[in-house]
C-alpha atoms as a PDB file:
ATOM      1  CA  UNK A   1     -10.502  11.878 -19.427  1.00  0.00           C
ATOM      2  CA  UNK A   2     -13.496  14.219 -20.674  1.00  0.00           C
ATOM      3  CA  UNK A   3     -14.304  17.466 -19.181  1.00  0.00           C
ATOM      4  CA  UNK A   4     -16.708  20.004 -20.136  1.00  0.00           C
ATOM      5  CA  UNK A   5     -15.525  23.644 -19.382  1.00  0.00           C
ATOM      6  CA  UNK A   6     -18.514  26.039 -19.562  1.00  0.00           C
ATOM      7  CA  UNK A   7     -18.391  29.360 -21.290  1.00  0.00           C
ATOM      8  CA  UNK A   8     -18.725  32.544 -19.548  1.00  0.00           C
ATOM      9  CA  UNK A   9     -19.542  36.421 -20.265  1.00  0.00           C
ATOM     10  CA  UNK A  10     -18.017  39.170 -18.694  1.00  0.00           C
ATOM     11  CA  UNK A  11     -20.775  41.185 -16.845  1.00  0.00           C
ATOM     12  CA  UNK A  12     -18.277  43.830 -16.516  1.00  0.00           C
ATOM     13  CA  UNK A  13     -14.182  43.935 -16.910  1.00  0.00           C
ATOM     14  CA  UNK A  14     -12.045  46.455 -15.689  1.00  0.00           C
ATOM     15  CA  UNK A  15      -8.151  46.320 -16.323  1.00  0.00           C
ATOM     16  CA  UNK A  16      -6.278  47.403 -13.532  1.00  0.00           C
ATOM     17  CA  UNK A  17      -2.722  47.207 -15.085  1.00  0.00           C
ATOM     18  CA  UNK A  18       0.402  45.102 -16.129  1.00  0.00           C
ATOM     19  CA  UNK A  19       1.934  42.492 -13.724  1.00  0.00           C
ATOM     20  CA  UNK A  20       5.565  41.922 -13.669  1.00  0.00           C
ATOM     21  CA  UNK A  21       4.865  38.403 -15.552  1.00  0.00           C
ATOM     22  CA  UNK A  22       3.284  40.301 -18.690  1.00  0.00           C
ATOM     23  CA  UNK A  23      -0.273  39.428 -17.556  1.00  0.00           C
ATOM     24  CA  UNK A  24      -3.127  41.788 -16.571  1.00  0.00           C
ATOM     25  CA  UNK A  25      -4.762  42.532 -13.358  1.00  0.00           C
ATOM     26  CA  UNK A  26      -8.554  42.173 -14.055  1.00  0.00           C
ATOM     27  CA  UNK A  27     -11.216  42.960 -11.722  1.00  0.00           C
ATOM     28  CA  UNK A  28     -14.391  41.504 -13.330  1.00  0.00           C
ATOM     29  CA  UNK A  29     -17.756  39.819 -12.419  1.00  0.00           C
ATOM     30  CA  UNK A  30     -18.469  36.534 -14.823  1.00  0.00           C
ATOM     31  CA  UNK A  31     -21.497  34.555 -15.346  1.00  0.00           C
ATOM     32  CA  UNK A  32     -21.458  30.882 -16.794  1.00  0.00           C
ATOM     33  CA  UNK A  33     -23.419  29.989 -19.795  1.00  0.00           C
ATOM     34  CA  UNK A  34     -24.719  27.015 -21.275  1.00  0.00           C
ATOM     35  CA  UNK A  35     -22.145  26.369 -23.866  1.00  0.00           C
ATOM     36  CA  UNK A  36     -19.148  24.369 -23.471  1.00  0.00           C
ATOM     37  CA  UNK A  37     -15.908  23.427 -24.632  1.00  0.00           C
ATOM     38  CA  UNK A  38     -14.748  19.924 -24.510  1.00  0.00           C
ATOM     39  CA  UNK A  39     -11.187  18.996 -22.934  1.00  0.00           C
ATOM     40  CA  UNK A  40     -10.272  15.851 -23.348  1.00  0.00           C
ATOM     41  CA  UNK A  41      -7.074  14.838 -21.099  1.00  0.00           C
ATOM     42  CA  UNK A  42      -4.949  11.554 -21.855  1.00  0.00           C
ATOM     43  CA  UNK A  43      -2.017  10.848 -19.321  1.00  0.00           C
ATOM     44  CA  UNK A  44       0.916   9.329 -21.331  1.00  0.00           C
ATOM     45  CA  UNK A  45       4.132   7.545 -20.021  1.00  0.00           C
ATOM     46  CA  UNK A  46       6.246   9.978 -21.665  1.00  0.00           C
ATOM     47  CA  UNK A  47       7.558  13.537 -20.336  1.00  0.00           C
ATOM     48  CA  UNK A  48       5.939  15.771 -23.231  1.00  0.00           C
ATOM     49  CA  UNK A  49       3.062  17.774 -23.428  1.00  0.00           C
ATOM     50  CA  UNK A  50       0.766  17.545 -26.601  1.00  0.00           C
ATOM     51  CA  UNK A  51      -1.997  20.143 -27.335  1.00  0.00           C
ATOM     52  CA  UNK A  52      -4.330  19.540 -30.333  1.00  0.00           C
ATOM     53  CA  UNK A  53      -7.419  21.840 -31.309  1.00  0.00           C
ATOM     54  CA  UNK A  54     -10.051  21.433 -34.305  1.00  0.00           C
ATOM     55  CA  UNK A  55      -9.602  24.867 -34.820  1.00  0.00           C
ATOM     56  CA  UNK A  56      -6.595  25.752 -37.092  1.00  0.00           C
ATOM     57  CA  UNK A  57      -6.206  29.474 -35.321  1.00  0.00           C
ATOM     58  CA  UNK A  58      -5.647  27.886 -31.987  1.00  0.00           C
ATOM     59  CA  UNK A  59      -1.590  27.249 -31.421  1.00  0.00           C
ATOM     60  CA  UNK A  60      -0.125  24.026 -30.013  1.00  0.00           C
ATOM     61  CA  UNK A  61       2.779  25.069 -29.054  1.00  0.00           C
ATOM     62  CA  UNK A  62       4.126  26.707 -25.908  1.00  0.00           C
ATOM     63  CA  UNK A  63       2.158  30.000 -26.688  1.00  0.00           C
ATOM     64  CA  UNK A  64      -0.865  28.184 -25.564  1.00  0.00           C
ATOM     65  CA  UNK A  65      -1.868  28.943 -22.338  1.00  0.00           C
ATOM     66  CA  UNK A  66      -3.277  25.149 -21.902  1.00  0.00           C
ATOM     67  CA  UNK A  67       0.208  23.701 -23.100  1.00  0.00           C
ATOM     68  CA  UNK A  68       1.763  26.008 -20.489  1.00  0.00           C
ATOM     69  CA  UNK A  69      -0.425  24.848 -17.681  1.00  0.00           C
ATOM     70  CA  UNK A  70      -0.016  21.116 -18.379  1.00  0.00           C
ATOM     71  CA  UNK A  71       4.108  22.067 -18.328  1.00  0.00           C
ATOM     72  CA  UNK A  72       3.657  23.180 -14.986  1.00  0.00           C
ATOM     73  CA  UNK A  73       2.689  19.748 -13.930  1.00  0.00           C
ATOM     74  CA  UNK A  74       5.444  16.942 -12.650  1.00  0.00           C
ATOM     75  CA  UNK A  75       5.359  14.068 -15.461  1.00  0.00           C
ATOM     76  CA  UNK A  76       4.973  11.398 -15.514  1.00  0.00           C
ATOM     77  CA  UNK A  77       2.017  11.421 -13.202  1.00  0.00           C
ATOM     78  CA  UNK A  78       0.943   8.007 -11.844  1.00  0.00           C
ATOM     79  CA  UNK A  79      -2.870   7.715 -11.812  1.00  0.00           C
END
């Protein structure tokens, strides 16, 4: 499955403080623009998550937020 994820710009951004989980509370207004990331998803038969990116600076381990989000889904997923 391929999904286009639109880029967005912050028209304003206010960082309100740090949450107990280490992330920050944000107050912002975003606007989509006509640039997209292409996300490809492939459901496998195993119970591991693999993340690949064409940019060498993007991590593919559990420090990647997409990896962490995918790990929250129960596996295997039966389509």
